[in-house]
């Protein structure tokens, strides 16, 4: 069963363990079933396909090896209009 993680897509994280220790990047994808996170510029792997040739792709890093630096951009709260405010009162 997949767990709910505190790290969200778009947040900034720092690697705290492994070969890429100390690197920071933005979360591109979260795979909750494997507890894996794909971070931009971290654990870059080379992948070969017949159509596109050699490609560089980010690999998965385990959730426990990451530290949250900055969360995703928060959504701005909806502005209240005078009409909506007068209906409440």
PDB file of N, CA and C in Angstrom:
ATOM      1  N   UNK A   1       0.838  -1.182   0.000  1.00  0.00           N
ATOM      2  CA  UNK A   1       0.000   0.000   0.000  1.00  0.00           C
ATOM      3  C   UNK A   1       0.882   1.243   0.000  1.00  0.00           C
ATOM      4  N   UNK A   2       0.538   2.201  -0.827  1.00  0.00           N
ATOM      5  CA  UNK A   2       1.321   3.422  -0.953  1.00  0.00           C
ATOM      6  C   UNK A   2       1.081   4.342   0.244  1.00  0.00           C
ATOM      7  N   UNK A   3       2.157   5.011   0.663  1.00  0.00           N
ATOM      8  CA  UNK A   3       2.059   5.930   1.789  1.00  0.00           C
ATOM      9  C   UNK A   3       1.955   7.364   1.289  1.00  0.00           C
ATOM     10  N   UNK A   4       1.429   8.238   2.130  1.00  0.00           N
ATOM     11  CA  UNK A   4       1.376   9.655   1.810  1.00  0.00           C
ATOM     12  C   UNK A   4       2.699  10.275   2.231  1.00  0.00           C
ATOM     13  N   UNK A   5       3.367  10.944   1.303  1.00  0.00           N
ATOM     14  CA  UNK A   5       4.679  11.512   1.568  1.00  0.00           C
ATOM     15  C   UNK A   5       4.571  13.021   1.782  1.00  0.00           C
ATOM     16  N   UNK A   6       5.492  13.576   2.559  1.00  0.00           N
ATOM     17  CA  UNK A   6       5.492  15.014   2.825  1.00  0.00           C
ATOM     18  C   UNK A   6       6.085  15.797   1.664  1.00  0.00           C
ATOM     19  N   UNK A   7       6.886  15.142   0.839  1.00  0.00           N
ATOM     20  CA  UNK A   7       7.487  15.795  -0.325  1.00  0.00           C
ATOM     21  C   UNK A   7       6.474  15.767  -1.464  1.00  0.00           C
ATOM     22  N   UNK A   8       6.284  16.908  -2.107  1.00  0.00           N
ATOM     23  CA  UNK A   8       5.341  17.030  -3.206  1.00  0.00           C
ATOM     24  C   UNK A   8       6.076  17.374  -4.501  1.00  0.00           C
ATOM     25  N   UNK A   9       5.420  17.159  -5.621  1.00  0.00           N
ATOM     26  CA  UNK A   9       5.981  17.502  -6.919  1.00  0.00           C
ATOM     27  C   UNK A   9       6.173  19.013  -6.993  1.00  0.00           C
ATOM     28  N   UNK A  10       7.355  19.444  -7.422  1.00  0.00           N
ATOM     29  CA  UNK A  10       7.643  20.867  -7.535  1.00  0.00           C
ATOM     30  C   UNK A  10       8.392  21.440  -6.352  1.00  0.00           C
ATOM     31  N   UNK A  11       8.526  20.672  -5.266  1.00  0.00           N
ATOM     32  CA  UNK A  11       9.250  21.177  -4.102  1.00  0.00           C
ATOM     33  C   UNK A  11      10.756  20.985  -4.299  1.00  0.00           C
ATOM     34  N   UNK A  12      11.541  21.751  -3.549  1.00  0.00           N
ATOM     35  CA  UNK A  12      12.994  21.665  -3.624  1.00  0.00           C
ATOM     36  C   UNK A  12      13.488  20.770  -2.501  1.00  0.00           C
ATOM     37  N   UNK A  13      14.358  19.823  -2.849  1.00  0.00           N
ATOM     38  CA  UNK A  13      14.897  18.878  -1.869  1.00  0.00           C
ATOM     39  C   UNK A  13      16.417  18.835  -1.965  1.00  0.00           C
ATOM     40  N   UNK A  14      17.035  18.315  -0.911  1.00  0.00           N
ATOM     41  CA  UNK A  14      18.478  18.125  -0.882  1.00  0.00           C
ATOM     42  C   UNK A  14      18.760  16.663  -0.571  1.00  0.00           C
ATOM     43  N   UNK A  15      19.741  16.094  -1.262  1.00  0.00           N
ATOM     44  CA  UNK A  15      20.118  14.714  -1.048  1.00  0.00           C
ATOM     45  C   UNK A  15      21.000  14.652   0.193  1.00  0.00           C
ATOM     46  N   UNK A  16      20.661  13.773   1.160  1.00  0.00           N
ATOM     47  CA  UNK A  16      21.418  13.686   2.407  1.00  0.00           C
ATOM     48  C   UNK A  16      22.232  12.404   2.509  1.00  0.00           C
ATOM     49  N   UNK A  17      22.083  11.489   1.549  1.00  0.00           N
ATOM     50  CA  UNK A  17      22.853  10.251   1.575  1.00  0.00           C
ATOM     51  C   UNK A  17      23.045   9.737   0.154  1.00  0.00           C
ATOM     52  N   UNK A  18      24.154   9.049  -0.064  1.00  0.00           N
ATOM     53  CA  UNK A  18      24.409   8.453  -1.365  1.00  0.00           C
ATOM     54  C   UNK A  18      25.478   9.186  -2.150  1.00  0.00           C
ATOM     55  N   UNK A  19      25.653   8.789  -3.393  1.00  0.00           N
ATOM     56  CA  UNK A  19      26.707   9.346  -4.243  1.00  0.00           C
ATOM     57  C   UNK A  19      26.475  10.814  -4.576  1.00  0.00           C
ATOM     58  N   UNK A  20      25.228  11.240  -4.610  1.00  0.00           N
ATOM     59  CA  UNK A  20      24.895  12.623  -4.953  1.00  0.00           C
ATOM     60  C   UNK A  20      24.632  13.476  -3.712  1.00  0.00           C
ATOM     61  N   UNK A  21      25.217  13.103  -2.594  1.00  0.00           N
ATOM     62  CA  UNK A  21      24.999  13.793  -1.324  1.00  0.00           C
ATOM     63  C   UNK A  21      25.334  15.283  -1.452  1.00  0.00           C
ATOM     64  N   UNK A  22      24.422  16.143  -0.957  1.00  0.00           N
ATOM     65  CA  UNK A  22      24.633  17.573  -0.979  1.00  0.00           C
ATOM     66  C   UNK A  22      23.978  18.290  -2.151  1.00  0.00           C
ATOM     67  N   UNK A  23      23.601  17.562  -3.184  1.00  0.00           N
ATOM     68  CA  UNK A  23      22.973  18.194  -4.350  1.00  0.00           C
ATOM     69  C   UNK A  23      21.540  18.592  -4.034  1.00  0.00           C
ATOM     70  N   UNK A  24      21.110  19.703  -4.634  1.00  0.00           N
ATOM     71  CA  UNK A  24      19.740  20.173  -4.495  1.00  0.00           C
ATOM     72  C   UNK A  24      19.065  20.121  -5.854  1.00  0.00           C
ATOM     73  N   UNK A  25      17.766  19.925  -5.842  1.00  0.00           N
ATOM     74  CA  UNK A  25      17.025  19.908  -7.093  1.00  0.00           C
ATOM     75  C   UNK A  25      15.535  19.952  -6.853  1.00  0.00           C
ATOM     76  N   UNK A  26      14.797  20.072  -7.934  1.00  0.00           N
ATOM     77  CA  UNK A  26      13.344  20.137  -7.895  1.00  0.00           C
ATOM     78  C   UNK A  26      12.765  18.752  -8.144  1.00  0.00           C
ATOM     79  N   UNK A  27      11.723  18.405  -7.428  1.00  0.00           N
ATOM     80  CA  UNK A  27      11.083  17.103  -7.580  1.00  0.00           C
ATOM     81  C   UNK A  27      10.303  17.081  -8.887  1.00  0.00           C
ATOM     82  N   UNK A  28      10.612  16.090  -9.740  1.00  0.00           N
ATOM     83  CA  UNK A  28       9.941  15.944 -11.029  1.00  0.00           C
ATOM     84  C   UNK A  28       8.785  14.952 -10.947  1.00  0.00           C
ATOM     85  N   UNK A  29       8.971  13.879 -10.165  1.00  0.00           N
ATOM     86  CA  UNK A  29       7.982  12.808 -10.113  1.00  0.00           C
ATOM     87  C   UNK A  29       8.118  12.076  -8.791  1.00  0.00           C
ATOM     88  N   UNK A  30       7.007  11.540  -8.304  1.00  0.00           N
ATOM     89  CA  UNK A  30       7.007  10.743  -7.082  1.00  0.00           C
ATOM     90  C   UNK A  30       6.343   9.409  -7.391  1.00  0.00           C
ATOM     91  N   UNK A  31       7.014   8.307  -7.033  1.00  0.00           N
ATOM     92  CA  UNK A  31       6.466   6.965  -7.210  1.00  0.00           C
ATOM     93  C   UNK A  31       6.222   6.404  -5.814  1.00  0.00           C
ATOM     94  N   UNK A  32       4.990   6.538  -5.331  1.00  0.00           N
ATOM     95  CA  UNK A  32       4.691   6.156  -3.946  1.00  0.00           C
ATOM     96  C   UNK A  32       4.789   4.655  -3.714  1.00  0.00           C
ATOM     97  N   UNK A  33       4.532   3.847  -4.733  1.00  0.00           N
ATOM     98  CA  UNK A  33       4.594   2.401  -4.554  1.00  0.00           C
ATOM     99  C   UNK A  33       6.011   1.922  -4.254  1.00  0.00           C
ATOM    100  N   UNK A  34       7.021   2.606  -4.795  1.00  0.00           N
ATOM    101  CA  UNK A  34       8.423   2.248  -4.562  1.00  0.00           C
ATOM    102  C   UNK A  34       9.092   3.172  -3.560  1.00  0.00           C
ATOM    103  N   UNK A  35       8.352   4.178  -3.051  1.00  0.00           N
ATOM    104  CA  UNK A  35       8.901   5.196  -2.149  1.00  0.00           C
ATOM    105  C   UNK A  35      10.071   5.908  -2.827  1.00  0.00           C
ATOM    106  N   UNK A  36       9.964   6.100  -4.135  1.00  0.00           N
ATOM    107  CA  UNK A  36      11.026   6.716  -4.914  1.00  0.00           C
ATOM    108  C   UNK A  36      10.637   8.100  -5.392  1.00  0.00           C
ATOM    109  N   UNK A  37      11.657   8.953  -5.528  1.00  0.00           N
ATOM    110  CA  UNK A  37      11.452  10.317  -5.985  1.00  0.00           C
ATOM    111  C   UNK A  37      12.446  10.597  -7.102  1.00  0.00           C
ATOM    112  N   UNK A  38      11.980  11.236  -8.174  1.00  0.00           N
ATOM    113  CA  UNK A  38      12.837  11.622  -9.289  1.00  0.00           C
ATOM    114  C   UNK A  38      13.148  13.113  -9.137  1.00  0.00           C
ATOM    115  N   UNK A  39      14.445  13.451  -8.966  1.00  0.00           N
ATOM    116  CA  UNK A  39      14.863  14.825  -8.717  1.00  0.00           C
ATOM    117  C   UNK A  39      15.688  15.321  -9.898  1.00  0.00           C
ATOM    118  N   UNK A  40      15.436  16.563 -10.301  1.00  0.00           N
ATOM    119  CA  UNK A  40      16.108  17.146 -11.457  1.00  0.00           C
ATOM    120  C   UNK A  40      17.607  17.273 -11.200  1.00  0.00           C
ATOM    121  N   UNK A  41      18.422  16.680 -12.085  1.00  0.00           N
ATOM    122  CA  UNK A  41      19.874  16.786 -12.017  1.00  0.00           C
ATOM    123  C   UNK A  41      20.543  15.851 -11.029  1.00  0.00           C
ATOM    124  N   UNK A  42      19.793  14.941 -10.423  1.00  0.00           N
ATOM    125  CA  UNK A  42      20.348  14.024  -9.429  1.00  0.00           C
ATOM    126  C   UNK A  42      20.172  12.595  -9.925  1.00  0.00           C
ATOM    127  N   UNK A  43      21.193  11.773  -9.730  1.00  0.00           N
ATOM    128  CA  UNK A  43      21.230  10.379 -10.179  1.00  0.00           C
ATOM    129  C   UNK A  43      20.922  10.269 -11.674  1.00  0.00           C
ATOM    130  N   UNK A  44      21.690  10.990 -12.464  1.00  0.00           N
ATOM    131  CA  UNK A  44      21.499  11.003 -13.915  1.00  0.00           C
ATOM    132  C   UNK A  44      22.054   9.704 -14.492  1.00  0.00           C
ATOM    133  N   UNK A  45      21.224   9.017 -15.262  1.00  0.00           N
ATOM    134  CA  UNK A  45      21.591   7.741 -15.860  1.00  0.00           C
ATOM    135  C   UNK A  45      21.539   7.862 -17.376  1.00  0.00           C
ATOM    136  N   UNK A  46      22.341   7.065 -18.067  1.00  0.00           N
ATOM    137  CA  UNK A  46      22.339   7.049 -19.519  1.00  0.00           C
ATOM    138  C   UNK A  46      21.421   5.933 -19.991  1.00  0.00           C
ATOM    139  N   UNK A  47      20.528   6.271 -20.918  1.00  0.00           N
ATOM    140  CA  UNK A  47      19.577   5.312 -21.452  1.00  0.00           C
ATOM    141  C   UNK A  47      19.682   5.322 -22.974  1.00  0.00           C
ATOM    142  N   UNK A  48      19.694   4.136 -23.585  1.00  0.00           N
ATOM    143  CA  UNK A  48      19.785   4.040 -25.039  1.00  0.00           C
ATOM    144  C   UNK A  48      18.466   3.549 -25.605  1.00  0.00           C
ATOM    145  N   UNK A  49      17.969   4.254 -26.627  1.00  0.00           N
ATOM    146  CA  UNK A  49      16.812   3.774 -27.379  1.00  0.00           C
ATOM    147  C   UNK A  49      17.167   3.828 -28.859  1.00  0.00           C
ATOM    148  N   UNK A  50      16.600   2.933 -29.634  1.00  0.00           N
ATOM    149  CA  UNK A  50      16.914   2.862 -31.062  1.00  0.00           C
ATOM    150  C   UNK A  50      16.466   4.125 -31.792  1.00  0.00           C
ATOM    151  N   UNK A  51      15.365   4.721 -31.372  1.00  0.00           N
ATOM    152  CA  UNK A  51      14.844   5.903 -32.059  1.00  0.00           C
ATOM    153  C   UNK A  51      15.651   7.158 -31.730  1.00  0.00           C
ATOM    154  N   UNK A  52      15.934   7.370 -30.472  1.00  0.00           N
ATOM    155  CA  UNK A  52      16.541   8.626 -30.041  1.00  0.00           C
ATOM    156  C   UNK A  52      18.023   8.533 -29.705  1.00  0.00           C
ATOM    157  N   UNK A  53      18.572   7.337 -29.650  1.00  0.00           N
ATOM    158  CA  UNK A  53      19.981   7.181 -29.308  1.00  0.00           C
ATOM    159  C   UNK A  53      20.207   7.317 -27.808  1.00  0.00           C
ATOM    160  N   UNK A  54      21.362   7.861 -27.434  1.00  0.00           N
ATOM    161  CA  UNK A  54      21.685   8.012 -26.023  1.00  0.00           C
ATOM    162  C   UNK A  54      20.909   9.178 -25.419  1.00  0.00           C
ATOM    163  N   UNK A  55      20.352   8.928 -24.244  1.00  0.00           N
ATOM    164  CA  UNK A  55      19.623   9.964 -23.520  1.00  0.00           C
ATOM    165  C   UNK A  55      20.077   9.956 -22.068  1.00  0.00           C
ATOM    166  N   UNK A  56      20.035  11.098 -21.448  1.00  0.00           N
ATOM    167  CA  UNK A  56      20.339  11.198 -20.021  1.00  0.00           C
ATOM    168  C   UNK A  56      19.015  11.392 -19.293  1.00  0.00           C
ATOM    169  N   UNK A  57      18.766  10.536 -18.297  1.00  0.00           N
ATOM    170  CA  UNK A  57      17.527  10.586 -17.534  1.00  0.00           C
ATOM    171  C   UNK A  57      17.856  10.546 -16.050  1.00  0.00           C
ATOM    172  N   UNK A  58      16.990  11.172 -15.244  1.00  0.00           N
ATOM    173  CA  UNK A  58      17.142  11.103 -13.805  1.00  0.00           C
ATOM    174  C   UNK A  58      16.561   9.787 -13.306  1.00  0.00           C
ATOM    175  N   UNK A  59      17.272   9.141 -12.387  1.00  0.00           N
ATOM    176  CA  UNK A  59      16.796   7.904 -11.793  1.00  0.00           C
ATOM    177  C   UNK A  59      16.069   8.184 -10.489  1.00  0.00           C
ATOM    178  N   UNK A  60      15.458   7.140  -9.930  1.00  0.00           N
ATOM    179  CA  UNK A  60      14.731   7.281  -8.672  1.00  0.00           C
ATOM    180  C   UNK A  60      15.695   7.277  -7.490  1.00  0.00           C
ATOM    181  N   UNK A  61      15.382   8.089  -6.492  1.00  0.00           N
ATOM    182  CA  UNK A  61      16.113   8.126  -5.237  1.00  0.00           C
ATOM    183  C   UNK A  61      15.110   7.789  -4.146  1.00  0.00           C
ATOM    184  N   UNK A  62      15.506   7.004  -3.175  1.00  0.00           N
ATOM    185  CA  UNK A  62      14.594   6.640  -2.098  1.00  0.00           C
ATOM    186  C   UNK A  62      14.238   7.867  -1.272  1.00  0.00           C
ATOM    187  N   UNK A  63      13.000   7.901  -0.846  1.00  0.00           N
ATOM    188  CA  UNK A  63      12.440   9.015  -0.088  1.00  0.00           C
ATOM    189  C   UNK A  63      13.252   9.326   1.173  1.00  0.00           C
ATOM    190  N   UNK A  64      13.794   8.319   1.808  1.00  0.00           N
ATOM    191  CA  UNK A  64      14.526   8.508   3.066  1.00  0.00           C
ATOM    192  C   UNK A  64      15.864   9.206   2.864  1.00  0.00           C
ATOM    193  N   UNK A  65      16.354   9.281   1.642  1.00  0.00           N
ATOM    194  CA  UNK A  65      17.643   9.920   1.369  1.00  0.00           C
ATOM    195  C   UNK A  65      17.498  11.390   0.979  1.00  0.00           C
ATOM    196  N   UNK A  66      16.313  11.949   1.176  1.00  0.00           N
ATOM    197  CA  UNK A  66      16.060  13.333   0.793  1.00  0.00           C
ATOM    198  C   UNK A  66      15.605  14.158   1.989  1.00  0.00           C
ATOM    199  N   UNK A  67      15.932  15.446   1.925  1.00  0.00           N
ATOM    200  CA  UNK A  67      15.497  16.390   2.950  1.00  0.00           C
ATOM    201  C   UNK A  67      14.758  17.519   2.247  1.00  0.00           C
ATOM    202  N   UNK A  68      13.600  17.874   2.753  1.00  0.00           N
ATOM    203  CA  UNK A  68      12.800  18.947   2.177  1.00  0.00           C
ATOM    204  C   UNK A  68      13.444  20.285   2.499  1.00  0.00           C
ATOM    205  N   UNK A  69      13.773  21.071   1.460  1.00  0.00           N
ATOM    206  CA  UNK A  69      14.374  22.386   1.640  1.00  0.00           C
ATOM    207  C   UNK A  69      13.296  23.460   1.532  1.00  0.00           C
ATOM    208  N   UNK A  70      12.484  23.366   0.488  1.00  0.00           N
ATOM    209  CA  UNK A  70      11.433  24.354   0.257  1.00  0.00           C
ATOM    210  C   UNK A  70      10.265  23.647  -0.396  1.00  0.00           C
ATOM    211  N   UNK A  71       9.063  23.879   0.118  1.00  0.00           N
ATOM    212  CA  UNK A  71       7.865  23.233  -0.404  1.00  0.00           C
ATOM    213  C   UNK A  71       7.467  23.784  -1.749  1.00  0.00           C
ATOM    214  N   UNK A  72       6.462  23.169  -2.378  1.00  0.00           N
ATOM    215  CA  UNK A  72       5.984  23.668  -3.665  1.00  0.00           C
ATOM    216  C   UNK A  72       5.333  25.031  -3.495  1.00  0.00           C
ATOM    217  N   UNK A  73       5.251  25.774  -4.569  1.00  0.00           N
ATOM    218  CA  UNK A  73       4.642  27.099  -4.528  1.00  0.00           C
ATOM    219  C   UNK A  73       3.189  26.964  -4.084  1.00  0.00           C
ATOM    220  N   UNK A  74       2.837  27.693  -3.045  1.00  0.00           N
ATOM    221  CA  UNK A  74       1.483  27.613  -2.507  1.00  0.00           C
ATOM    222  C   UNK A  74       0.512  28.329  -3.440  1.00  0.00           C
ATOM    223  N   UNK A  75      -0.690  27.816  -3.495  1.00  0.00           N
ATOM    224  CA  UNK A  75      -1.710  28.449  -4.310  1.00  0.00           C
ATOM    225  C   UNK A  75      -2.187  29.709  -3.601  1.00  0.00           C
ATOM    226  N   UNK A  76      -2.369  30.771  -4.348  1.00  0.00           N
ATOM    227  CA  UNK A  76      -2.841  32.025  -3.773  1.00  0.00           C
ATOM    228  C   UNK A  76      -4.313  31.869  -3.392  1.00  0.00           C
ATOM    229  N   UNK A  77      -4.701  32.346  -2.215  1.00  0.00           N
ATOM    230  CA  UNK A  77      -6.109  32.232  -1.826  1.00  0.00           C
ATOM    231  C   UNK A  77      -6.989  33.106  -2.726  1.00  0.00           C
ATOM    232  N   UNK A  78      -8.193  32.650  -2.943  1.00  0.00           N
ATOM    233  CA  UNK A  78      -9.120  33.382  -3.806  1.00  0.00           C
ATOM    234  C   UNK A  78      -9.476  34.706  -3.153  1.00  0.00           C
ATOM    235  N   UNK A  79      -9.522  35.753  -3.967  1.00  0.00           N
ATOM    236  CA  UNK A  79      -9.877  37.075  -3.450  1.00  0.00           C
ATOM    237  C   UNK A  79     -11.380  37.130  -3.205  1.00  0.00           C
ATOM    238  N   UNK A  80     -11.733  37.709  -2.082  1.00  0.00           N
ATOM    239  CA  UNK A  80     -13.149  37.859  -1.766  1.00  0.00           C
ATOM    240  C   UNK A  80     -13.681  39.120  -2.434  1.00  0.00           C
ATOM    241  N   UNK A  81     -14.822  38.995  -3.038  1.00  0.00           N
ATOM    242  CA  UNK A  81     -15.443  40.157  -3.660  1.00  0.00           C
ATOM    243  C   UNK A  81     -16.432  40.781  -2.676  1.00  0.00           C
ATOM    244  N   UNK A  82     -16.810  41.994  -2.939  1.00  0.00           N
ATOM    245  CA  UNK A  82     -17.754  42.682  -2.051  1.00  0.00           C
ATOM    246  C   UNK A  82     -19.101  41.979  -2.034  1.00  0.00           C
ATOM    247  N   UNK A  83     -19.516  41.439  -3.165  1.00  0.00           N
ATOM    248  CA  UNK A  83     -20.792  40.746  -3.246  1.00  0.00           C
ATOM    249  C   UNK A  83     -20.803  39.502  -2.385  1.00  0.00           C
ATOM    250  N   UNK A  84     -19.695  38.748  -2.413  1.00  0.00           N
ATOM    251  CA  UNK A  84     -19.595  37.531  -1.610  1.00  0.00           C
ATOM    252  C   UNK A  84     -19.526  37.875  -0.132  1.00  0.00           C
ATOM    253  N   UNK A  85     -18.851  38.971   0.217  1.00  0.00           N
ATOM    254  CA  UNK A  85     -18.735  39.370   1.607  1.00  0.00           C
ATOM    255  C   UNK A  85     -20.072  39.841   2.156  1.00  0.00           C
ATOM    256  N   UNK A  86     -20.875  40.530   1.323  1.00  0.00           N
ATOM    257  CA  UNK A  86     -22.169  41.034   1.781  1.00  0.00           C
ATOM    258  C   UNK A  86     -23.180  39.897   1.941  1.00  0.00           C
ATOM    259  N   UNK A  87     -23.028  38.823   1.174  1.00  0.00           N
ATOM    260  CA  UNK A  87     -23.935  37.664   1.304  1.00  0.00           C
ATOM    261  C   UNK A  87     -23.722  36.949   2.628  1.00  0.00           C
ATOM    262  N   UNK A  88     -22.468  36.909   3.109  1.00  0.00           N
ATOM    263  CA  UNK A  88     -22.164  36.244   4.368  1.00  0.00           C
ATOM    264  C   UNK A  88     -22.768  37.000   5.549  1.00  0.00           C
ATOM    265  N   UNK A  89     -22.733  38.313   5.489  1.00  0.00           N
ATOM    266  CA  UNK A  89     -23.183  39.133   6.630  1.00  0.00           C
ATOM    267  C   UNK A  89     -24.683  39.188   6.760  1.00  0.00           C
TER     268      UNK A  89
END
